[in-house]
Protein backbone atom coordinates (compact mmCIF):
# COMPACT_ATOMS: atom_id res chain seq x y z
CA MET A 1 98.90 112.53 72.82
CA SER A 2 101.56 114.00 70.63
CA ALA A 3 102.47 116.32 73.45
CA THR A 4 103.96 113.50 75.39
CA THR A 5 106.11 112.39 72.49
CA THR A 6 107.40 115.90 71.70
CA GLN A 7 108.13 116.78 75.33
CA PRO A 8 111.78 117.82 75.67
CA SER A 9 114.08 115.39 77.45
CA VAL A 10 114.93 116.47 80.98
CA LEU A 11 117.54 113.74 81.23
CA ALA A 12 119.43 115.25 78.28
CA THR A 13 120.16 118.39 80.30
CA ARG A 14 123.00 118.83 82.78
CA ARG A 15 120.53 119.61 85.58
CA GLY A 16 118.56 116.47 84.75
CA LYS A 17 121.64 114.27 84.95
CA LEU A 18 122.70 115.84 88.26
CA THR A 19 119.18 115.40 89.65
CA LEU A 20 119.20 111.71 88.74
CA LEU A 21 122.64 111.30 90.31
CA LEU A 22 121.38 112.98 93.49
CA LEU A 23 118.27 110.79 93.73
CA CYS A 24 120.34 107.66 93.17
CA ALA A 25 122.68 108.80 95.97
CA VAL A 26 119.68 109.06 98.32
CA ALA A 27 118.56 105.57 97.26
CA PHE A 28 122.05 104.18 97.84
CA LEU A 29 122.14 105.63 101.37
CA ASP A 30 118.80 104.04 102.21
CA PHE A 31 119.42 100.66 100.56
CA VAL A 32 122.95 100.22 101.91
CA ASP A 33 122.10 100.81 105.57
CA ALA A 34 120.80 97.26 106.04
CA PRO A 35 123.61 95.13 104.52
CA ILE A 36 126.54 97.37 105.48
CA LEU A 37 126.06 96.68 109.19
CA ASN A 38 125.64 92.89 108.95
CA VAL A 39 129.37 92.19 108.60
CA ALA A 40 130.10 94.43 111.59
CA LEU A 41 127.71 92.63 113.97
CA PRO A 42 130.37 90.47 115.70
CA SER A 43 132.50 93.57 116.41
CA ILE A 44 129.46 95.50 117.63
CA ARG A 45 128.47 92.69 119.95
CA HIS A 46 131.92 92.63 121.52
CA ALA A 47 132.24 96.43 121.82
CA LEU A 48 128.80 97.18 123.29
CA HIS A 49 128.26 93.89 125.17
CA PHE A 50 125.13 92.81 123.34
CA SER A 51 123.46 89.54 124.24
CA VAL A 52 122.95 87.09 121.37
CA GLN A 53 119.20 87.82 121.41
CA GLY A 54 119.71 91.57 121.71
CA LEU A 55 122.11 91.72 118.77
CA GLN A 56 119.35 90.89 116.29
CA TRP A 57 117.79 94.29 117.01
CA VAL A 58 120.71 96.12 115.40
CA PRO A 59 119.51 95.11 111.89
CA SER A 60 115.88 94.51 112.87
CA ALA A 61 115.28 97.94 114.41
CA TYR A 62 116.06 99.56 111.05
CA LEU A 63 113.73 97.22 109.16
CA LEU A 64 110.98 97.75 111.73
CA THR A 65 110.61 101.52 111.37
CA TYR A 66 111.62 101.49 107.69
CA GLY A 67 108.69 99.24 106.82
CA GLY A 68 106.36 100.66 109.46
CA PHE A 69 106.59 104.32 108.42
CA MET A 70 106.95 103.79 104.66
CA LEU A 71 103.31 104.42 103.73
CA LEU A 72 103.12 107.49 105.94
CA GLY A 73 106.37 108.84 104.49
CA GLY A 74 105.22 108.45 100.90
CA ARG A 75 101.88 110.11 101.44
CA ALA A 76 103.48 112.93 103.45
CA ALA A 77 105.65 113.67 100.40
CA ASP A 78 102.53 114.06 98.25
CA LEU A 79 100.72 116.29 100.73
CA PHE A 80 103.46 118.44 102.26
CA GLY A 81 105.98 118.69 99.43
CA ARG A 82 108.51 116.13 98.21
CA ARG A 83 111.60 118.27 98.73
CA ARG A 84 110.53 119.14 102.29
CA ILE A 85 110.02 115.47 103.25
CA LEU A 86 113.18 114.38 101.41
CA LEU A 87 115.25 116.92 103.34
CA ALA A 88 113.68 115.87 106.63
CA GLY A 89 114.37 112.21 105.90
CA VAL A 90 118.04 112.57 104.98
CA VAL A 91 118.72 114.88 107.95
CA VAL A 92 117.13 112.35 110.33
CA LEU A 93 119.22 109.63 108.68
CA GLY A 94 122.44 111.62 109.06
CA VAL A 95 121.89 112.72 112.66
CA SER A 96 120.82 109.26 113.83
CA SER A 97 123.84 107.69 112.13
CA LEU A 98 126.12 110.13 113.94
CA VAL A 99 124.49 109.26 117.27
CA GLY A 100 124.84 105.55 116.51
CA GLY A 101 128.51 105.95 115.66
CA PHE A 102 129.21 107.50 119.06
CA ALA A 103 126.98 105.03 120.95
CA GLN A 104 128.49 103.63 124.14
CA THR A 105 125.56 101.39 125.07
CA SER A 106 123.48 98.85 123.19
CA GLY A 107 120.27 100.82 123.85
CA VAL A 108 121.59 103.97 122.21
CA LEU A 109 122.67 102.07 119.09
CA VAL A 110 119.30 100.32 118.74
CA GLY A 111 117.53 103.67 119.23
CA ALA A 112 119.71 105.20 116.52
CA ARG A 113 118.84 102.35 114.17
CA LEU A 114 115.12 102.92 114.82
CA ALA A 115 115.58 106.59 113.90
CA GLN A 116 117.58 105.64 110.80
CA GLY A 117 114.63 103.56 109.63
CA ILE A 118 112.27 106.52 110.03
CA GLY A 119 114.67 108.71 108.04
CA ALA A 120 114.82 106.14 105.26
CA ALA A 121 111.02 105.71 105.26
CA LEU A 122 110.65 109.47 104.70
CA SER A 123 113.41 109.92 102.13
CA LEU A 124 113.11 106.87 99.87
CA PRO A 125 109.49 107.26 98.64
CA ALA A 126 110.04 111.03 98.36
CA ALA A 127 113.12 110.46 96.18
CA LEU A 128 111.36 107.91 93.95
CA SER A 129 108.31 110.14 93.54
CA ILE A 130 110.58 113.08 92.58
CA LEU A 131 112.18 110.80 89.98
CA THR A 132 108.86 109.72 88.47
CA THR A 133 107.49 113.29 88.36
CA THR A 134 110.71 114.87 87.06
CA PHE A 135 111.35 112.45 84.19
CA SER A 136 108.45 112.04 81.76
CA GLU A 137 107.05 108.63 80.94
CA GLY A 138 108.91 106.93 78.14
CA LYS A 139 112.63 106.75 77.46
CA ASP A 140 113.59 109.34 80.07
CA ARG A 141 111.80 107.58 82.91
CA ASN A 142 112.91 104.13 81.76
CA ALA A 143 116.55 105.24 81.77
CA ALA A 144 116.12 106.91 85.18
CA LEU A 145 114.47 103.81 86.66
CA GLY A 146 117.23 101.71 85.13
CA ALA A 147 119.77 103.77 87.08
CA TRP A 148 117.59 103.48 90.21
CA GLY A 149 117.46 99.69 89.81
CA ALA A 150 121.21 99.51 89.30
CA ILE A 151 121.73 101.40 92.56
CA GLY A 152 119.47 98.93 94.36
CA GLY A 153 121.51 95.98 93.15
CA LEU A 154 124.79 97.80 93.78
CA ALA A 155 123.86 98.75 97.35
CA SER A 156 122.75 95.25 98.32
CA ALA A 157 126.08 93.72 97.37
CA ALA A 158 128.42 96.69 97.91
CA GLY A 159 127.11 97.10 101.44
CA VAL A 160 128.66 93.81 102.45
CA LEU A 161 132.01 94.83 100.93
CA LEU A 162 131.99 98.32 102.46
CA GLY A 163 131.01 96.92 105.83
CA GLY A 164 133.88 94.45 105.73
CA VAL A 165 136.46 97.05 104.65
CA LEU A 166 135.39 99.60 107.28
CA THR A 167 135.11 97.05 110.10
CA ALA A 168 138.51 95.56 109.36
CA GLY A 169 140.05 99.03 108.87
CA PRO A 170 139.06 102.03 110.98
CA GLY A 171 136.47 100.03 112.94
CA TRP A 172 132.74 99.32 113.04
CA ARG A 173 131.86 102.88 114.13
CA TRP A 174 132.84 104.14 110.68
CA VAL A 175 130.04 102.04 109.24
CA MET A 176 127.80 104.62 110.93
CA PHE A 177 130.03 107.68 110.40
CA VAL A 178 130.04 107.46 106.59
CA ASN A 179 126.36 108.41 106.46
CA PRO A 180 126.67 111.92 107.97
CA LEU A 181 129.54 112.70 105.59
CA ALA A 182 127.46 111.66 102.59
CA VAL A 183 124.32 113.38 103.89
CA GLY A 184 126.12 116.75 103.94
CA PHE A 185 126.68 116.59 100.17
CA VAL A 186 123.16 115.24 99.56
CA VAL A 187 121.53 118.13 101.46
CA ILE A 188 123.44 120.67 99.37
CA GLY A 189 122.31 118.87 96.22
CA ILE A 190 118.65 118.82 97.31
CA VAL A 191 118.64 122.54 98.08
CA ARG A 192 120.25 123.44 94.75
CA LEU A 193 118.60 120.95 92.38
CA ILE A 194 115.11 120.08 93.68
CA SER A 195 112.37 122.66 93.33
CA GLY A 196 110.21 123.36 96.36
CA GLU A 197 106.43 122.82 96.41
CA ARG A 198 103.60 124.40 98.29
CA PRO A 199 101.91 121.97 100.70
CA ARG A 200 98.72 120.49 99.26
CA ALA A 201 97.20 119.86 102.69
CA ARG A 202 97.13 121.35 106.16
CA VAL A 203 97.93 119.30 109.21
CA ARG A 204 94.41 119.70 110.58
CA ASN A 205 92.96 118.20 107.38
CA ILE A 206 95.09 115.07 107.50
CA ASP A 207 93.50 111.66 108.02
CA VAL A 208 95.02 111.17 111.47
CA GLY A 209 93.08 107.96 112.10
CA GLY A 210 94.36 106.43 108.88
CA ALA A 211 97.94 107.50 109.64
CA VAL A 212 97.80 105.91 113.11
CA LEU A 213 96.18 102.68 111.90
CA ALA A 214 98.51 102.23 108.91
CA THR A 215 101.69 102.94 110.86
CA ALA A 216 100.67 100.87 113.89
CA GLY A 217 99.58 97.96 111.68
CA MET A 218 102.79 97.93 109.65
CA LEU A 219 104.97 98.32 112.74
CA LEU A 220 103.24 95.41 114.49
CA LEU A 221 103.36 93.24 111.36
CA VAL A 222 107.08 93.78 110.75
CA PHE A 223 107.78 93.35 114.50
CA ALA A 224 105.94 90.03 114.54
CA LEU A 225 107.79 88.79 111.45
CA VAL A 226 111.18 89.82 112.82
CA ARG A 227 110.52 88.13 116.18
CA ALA A 228 108.77 84.99 114.88
CA PRO A 229 111.92 82.89 114.20
CA ASP A 230 113.08 83.33 117.82
CA VAL A 231 109.72 83.28 119.59
CA GLY A 232 108.24 80.51 117.44
CA TRP A 233 105.56 80.66 114.75
CA GLY A 234 103.08 78.63 116.75
CA LYS A 235 103.48 80.56 119.99
CA THR A 236 100.56 82.58 121.35
CA GLN A 237 102.62 85.79 121.25
CA THR A 238 103.37 85.48 117.53
CA ILE A 239 99.81 84.55 116.61
CA ALA A 240 98.42 87.44 118.69
CA GLU A 241 100.83 89.93 117.11
CA LEU A 242 100.03 88.81 113.56
CA ALA A 243 96.30 88.83 114.29
CA GLY A 244 96.57 92.29 115.85
CA ALA A 245 98.43 93.59 112.81
CA GLY A 246 95.75 92.11 110.56
CA VAL A 247 92.96 93.80 112.56
CA LEU A 248 94.73 97.18 112.44
CA LEU A 249 95.33 96.97 108.68
CA VAL A 250 91.74 95.91 107.96
CA ALA A 251 90.57 98.81 110.12
CA PHE A 252 92.84 101.08 108.07
CA VAL A 253 91.21 99.94 104.81
CA VAL A 254 87.72 100.45 106.28
CA ASN A 255 88.76 103.91 107.48
CA GLU A 256 90.09 104.85 104.03
CA LEU A 257 86.81 103.85 102.42
CA ARG A 258 84.76 105.97 104.81
CA VAL A 259 86.67 109.23 105.32
CA SER A 260 86.44 112.13 102.89
CA ASN A 261 90.17 112.87 102.91
CA PRO A 262 91.88 109.45 103.04
CA LEU A 263 95.59 109.19 103.80
CA ALA A 264 95.94 106.59 101.04
CA PRO A 265 93.12 106.85 98.47
CA LEU A 266 92.39 103.24 97.51
CA SER A 267 91.38 104.40 94.04
CA ILE A 268 95.07 104.18 93.18
CA PHE A 269 94.56 100.45 92.74
CA ARG A 270 92.26 101.19 89.79
CA ILE A 271 95.42 101.92 87.84
CA ASN A 272 95.93 98.76 85.82
CA GLY A 273 98.82 96.58 86.85
CA LEU A 274 99.91 98.52 89.94
CA GLY A 275 98.64 95.90 92.39
CA PHE A 276 100.21 92.98 90.51
CA ALA A 277 103.50 94.85 90.10
CA ASP A 278 103.65 95.46 93.86
CA ALA A 279 102.72 91.83 94.54
CA THR A 280 105.52 90.69 92.22
CA GLN A 281 107.97 92.86 94.15
CA LEU A 282 106.79 91.51 97.51
CA ILE A 283 106.97 87.82 96.57
CA ALA A 284 110.29 88.24 94.73
CA PHE A 285 111.89 89.88 97.76
CA VAL A 286 110.73 87.02 99.97
CA GLY A 287 113.05 84.77 97.99
CA PHE A 288 115.77 87.23 96.98
CA LEU A 289 116.90 89.14 100.06
CA ALA A 290 117.58 86.05 102.17
CA ILE A 291 120.34 84.85 99.81
CA PHE A 292 122.71 87.50 101.19
CA PHE A 293 121.97 86.27 104.72
CA PHE A 294 122.57 82.60 103.90
CA LEU A 295 125.57 83.08 101.60
CA THR A 296 127.34 85.43 104.00
CA LEU A 297 126.97 82.89 106.82
CA TYR A 298 128.06 80.10 104.48
CA MET A 299 131.19 81.90 103.32
CA GLN A 300 132.25 83.02 106.79
CA ASN A 301 131.17 80.08 108.98
CA VAL A 302 131.69 77.18 106.58
CA LEU A 303 134.30 78.27 104.04
CA GLY A 304 136.18 80.43 106.57
CA TYR A 305 136.19 83.66 104.53
CA SER A 306 137.14 86.93 106.23
CA ALA A 307 134.74 89.89 106.21
CA ILE A 308 136.62 91.56 103.34
CA HIS A 309 136.90 88.29 101.40
CA THR A 310 133.16 87.82 101.77
CA GLY A 311 132.46 91.31 100.47
CA LEU A 312 134.76 90.83 97.49
CA ALA A 313 132.94 87.60 96.65
CA TYR A 314 129.82 89.64 95.86
CA LEU A 315 131.60 91.94 93.39
CA PRO A 316 130.79 89.88 90.23
CA LEU A 317 127.12 89.85 91.21
CA THR A 318 127.23 93.62 91.69
CA ILE A 319 128.89 94.30 88.33
CA VAL A 320 126.49 92.07 86.42
CA ALA A 321 123.50 93.59 88.24
CA VAL A 322 124.52 97.12 87.25
CA ILE A 323 124.93 96.05 83.60
CA GLY A 324 121.59 94.23 83.75
CA ALA A 325 119.79 97.38 84.89
CA GLY A 326 121.13 99.32 81.90
CA VAL A 327 120.12 96.58 79.47
CA ALA A 328 116.65 96.40 81.04
CA SER A 329 116.02 100.13 80.61
CA GLN A 330 116.73 99.73 76.88
CA LEU A 331 114.60 96.60 76.49
CA LEU A 332 111.63 98.29 78.17
CA ASN A 333 111.16 100.51 75.12
CA ARG A 334 110.96 97.43 72.87
CA VAL A 335 109.21 94.60 74.69
CA GLY A 336 107.60 96.23 77.72
CA THR A 337 107.61 95.35 81.39
CA ARG A 338 105.77 92.01 81.55
CA PRO A 339 108.28 89.87 79.58
CA ILE A 340 111.21 91.39 81.47
CA MET A 341 109.60 90.73 84.86
CA PHE A 342 108.75 87.15 83.90
CA VAL A 343 112.13 86.24 82.44
CA GLY A 344 114.08 88.17 85.10
CA ALA A 345 112.28 86.36 87.91
CA LEU A 346 112.89 82.95 86.30
CA ILE A 347 116.61 83.67 85.75
CA THR A 348 116.92 84.82 89.37
CA ALA A 349 115.12 81.67 90.51
CA GLY A 350 117.59 79.59 88.50
CA GLY A 351 120.52 81.36 90.15
CA ILE A 352 119.13 80.82 93.65
CA PHE A 353 118.41 77.17 92.82
CA TRP A 354 122.04 76.75 91.74
CA LEU A 355 123.15 78.28 95.05
CA SER A 356 120.85 75.91 96.96
CA ARG A 357 123.24 73.08 95.99
CA ILE A 358 126.23 74.51 97.90
CA PRO A 359 128.34 71.70 99.47
CA VAL A 360 130.22 71.67 102.76
CA HIS A 361 133.58 71.71 101.00
CA GLY A 362 132.58 74.22 98.38
CA SER A 363 134.47 76.09 95.70
CA TYR A 364 133.73 79.73 94.95
CA VAL A 365 134.31 79.32 91.21
CA SER A 366 132.10 76.28 90.68
CA ASP A 367 129.55 76.44 93.51
CA LEU A 368 128.98 80.16 94.16
CA LEU A 369 130.02 82.25 91.16
CA PRO A 370 127.66 80.75 88.51
CA GLY A 371 124.62 81.13 90.74
CA MET A 372 125.60 84.67 91.74
CA LEU A 373 126.02 85.68 88.09
CA LEU A 374 122.58 84.31 87.23
CA VAL A 375 121.04 86.23 90.14
CA GLY A 376 122.80 89.40 88.99
CA ILE A 377 121.60 88.93 85.40
CA GLY A 378 117.99 88.46 86.43
CA VAL A 379 117.34 90.53 89.50
CA THR A 380 117.89 94.13 88.39
CA PRO A 381 115.92 93.78 85.12
CA LEU A 382 113.14 92.30 87.24
CA PHE A 383 113.05 95.18 89.69
CA VAL A 384 113.54 97.89 87.05
CA ALA A 385 110.54 96.50 85.16
CA VAL A 386 108.50 96.24 88.36
CA ALA A 387 109.25 99.87 89.27
CA THR A 388 108.27 100.98 85.76
CA ALA A 389 105.01 99.02 85.84
CA ALA A 390 104.13 100.21 89.36
CA ASN A 391 104.58 103.89 88.43
CA ALA A 392 103.08 103.90 84.92
CA GLY A 393 99.95 106.01 84.70
CA VAL A 394 100.18 107.24 88.30
CA PRO A 395 99.06 110.89 88.56
CA ALA A 396 101.65 113.28 89.95
CA GLU A 397 99.64 113.97 93.12
CA LYS A 398 99.85 110.27 94.01
CA ALA A 399 103.46 109.59 93.02
CA GLY A 400 104.59 109.47 96.65
CA LEU A 401 101.83 107.01 97.55
CA ALA A 402 102.74 104.76 94.61
CA ALA A 403 106.42 104.91 95.58
CA SER A 404 105.65 104.08 99.21
CA LEU A 405 103.46 101.11 98.20
CA LEU A 406 106.26 99.74 96.01
CA ASN A 407 108.89 100.20 98.70
CA ALA A 408 106.62 98.88 101.45
CA SER A 409 106.12 95.70 99.41
CA GLN A 410 109.91 95.39 99.20
CA GLN A 411 110.40 95.84 102.95
CA LEU A 412 107.53 93.54 103.85
CA GLY A 413 108.81 90.93 101.41
CA GLY A 414 112.31 91.15 102.88
CA ALA A 415 111.01 90.78 106.43
CA LEU A 416 108.77 87.87 105.42
CA GLY A 417 111.61 86.19 103.58
CA LEU A 418 114.06 86.39 106.47
CA ALA A 419 111.39 85.17 108.91
CA ILE A 420 110.13 82.28 106.77
CA LEU A 421 113.37 81.10 105.19
CA THR A 422 115.46 81.30 108.36
CA ALA A 423 112.76 79.32 110.18
CA ILE A 424 112.89 76.68 107.44
CA ALA A 425 116.70 76.61 107.47
CA THR A 426 116.89 76.42 111.27
CA SER A 427 114.36 73.57 111.37
CA GLN A 428 116.36 71.60 108.81
CA THR A 429 119.62 72.21 110.67
CA GLN A 430 118.11 71.05 113.96
CA HIS A 431 116.70 67.96 112.25
CA GLN A 432 120.13 67.09 110.87
CA LEU A 433 121.78 67.63 114.26
CA ALA A 434 119.20 65.32 115.86
CA ALA A 435 120.15 62.75 113.24
CA HIS A 436 123.80 63.07 114.42
CA SER A 437 125.10 64.93 111.36
CA SER A 438 128.21 67.04 111.86
CA PRO A 439 127.58 70.73 112.67
CA SER A 440 128.93 71.82 109.28
CA HIS A 441 126.74 69.38 107.37
CA ALA A 442 123.71 70.35 109.43
CA LEU A 443 124.33 74.07 108.88
CA VAL A 444 124.81 73.70 105.13
CA SER A 445 121.74 71.49 104.87
CA GLY A 446 119.70 74.29 106.43
CA PHE A 447 121.13 76.84 104.01
CA GLN A 448 120.32 74.55 101.10
CA ARG A 449 116.71 74.15 102.19
CA GLY A 450 116.23 77.88 102.75
CA LEU A 451 117.71 78.80 99.36
CA PHE A 452 115.65 76.14 97.58
CA VAL A 453 112.41 77.52 99.01
CA GLY A 454 113.63 81.02 98.06
CA SER A 455 113.91 79.92 94.43
CA ILE A 456 110.31 78.69 94.56
CA PHE A 457 109.16 82.15 95.64
CA LEU A 458 110.92 83.67 92.61
CA VAL A 459 109.11 81.24 90.31
CA ALA A 460 105.83 82.29 91.93
CA ALA A 461 106.76 85.95 91.38
CA ALA A 462 107.33 85.22 87.69
CA PHE A 463 103.79 83.94 87.23
CA ILE A 464 102.28 86.80 89.27
CA ALA A 465 104.12 89.18 86.91
CA LEU A 466 102.14 87.75 83.99
CA ARG A 467 99.04 89.43 85.44
CA ALA A 468 100.65 92.87 85.48
CA THR A 469 99.95 95.32 82.66
CA ASN A 470 102.57 95.30 79.93
CA THR A 471 103.79 98.87 79.57
CA ARG A 472 106.79 100.39 77.87
CA GLY A 473 106.75 103.23 80.37
CA GLU A 474 104.72 105.52 78.12
CA ALA A 475 101.57 107.40 79.00
CA PRO A 476 99.32 104.36 79.26
CA GLU A 477 95.85 103.35 78.38
CA PRO A 478 94.88 103.01 82.08
CA GLN A 479 94.90 106.78 82.27
CA GLY A 480 91.14 106.71 82.13
CA ALA A 481 91.05 104.43 85.14
CA ALA A 482 92.95 106.98 87.14
CA GLN A 483 90.44 109.78 86.37
CA PRO A 484 87.67 109.15 88.96
CA GLU A 485 90.03 110.54 91.56
CA PRO A 486 88.71 112.27 94.69
CA ALA A 487 90.24 115.66 95.27
CA ALA A 488 93.43 115.64 97.30
CA ALA A 489 93.20 116.49 100.96
């Protein structure tokens, strides 16, 4: 036990700091690719002649493959080497972004976005698993996860600002072209800073059935959730897709219990708190991610903000979120993860509730800024603590799987949130229009209802967090639970 406390600090070295910076750069590339394009959608629609229905696939295509391939990407990192999968992911991300930037048709752009999602699904869990295996449990890992959480908050808000600046300046294509430029530097960093690993499995020994079932199930689930608001929740198509996804995922679990070399050994859930930490992440993202969707529409369509003005409006949230991540990494060593998750979720819920009271003739200072600041204060401590709890006690050979489960819960939560909350908001808007309210009042009423329900999800996440193990990020007591581990493939 004393060995863990006397282990030298990797983060104190120059190489350790550069490695953390590199991994955070990978995370920023993956996290920013969803929000950065949202502001550019009107320009993209005009340039490539998208239909209104077809335009939704520019953001949705990325989410579809990102969520669908996440589990496969994380486990591939464990089995074939984290550096190898990380390199493959960022190269796919860079090449597909370049293709998307030169796209002359809507089909090419959507195809590029599908490929971007695959690249992100490979690179993000690989990067997080490298982080958790490079920096030892305790202060080093808490500080590293604090930086990782800050990047997540920064990318969510900065993406809107960057998208607005690039769209209004050199044009929407540069929203895609910035990725290849960044990827060039990232590849050099990976080659120089990340050590290679020998593959722990051969292709012929891989659980192909599990890989097919997991990927197909996740793809169909995310596809159904993305399409549900347009198709209708009660339609036969939506019900059949959701049922089909459920059957595939249940078949995946049965397969994992029966095969000798499972793609995703379910024994990982014996690690105390991992399941509840992932559930907290999923439910919190149902309520959190949709606020950017609603507030961006509110600022642009109701308050008349420009794309750049809208992006600048998120800056206070971004700054507070980055500070909150640093504070959280320090508090983890004192109070542990459970109190931070609980309080962070409640503060975020309070901020979203404040935002749910936005009026038609709103003021940024009184109606938006206070709620945004509360969200920024609460959300990054919440997610830093969740990441710490979800990775505590995970053996190195399963770090990629744990990272992919955490990130899959984030993607699934985001897709669920957009599907559920936009359906609720749209229903309320249509009800108000039927009651002869003005379009602005009807639109804002829908936003209010969607944000209010989002705050309820954050409250639910807070109480789920109380079931998670309270860890300070040190080598935990559940270590014994992780021992009865079948040999890796």
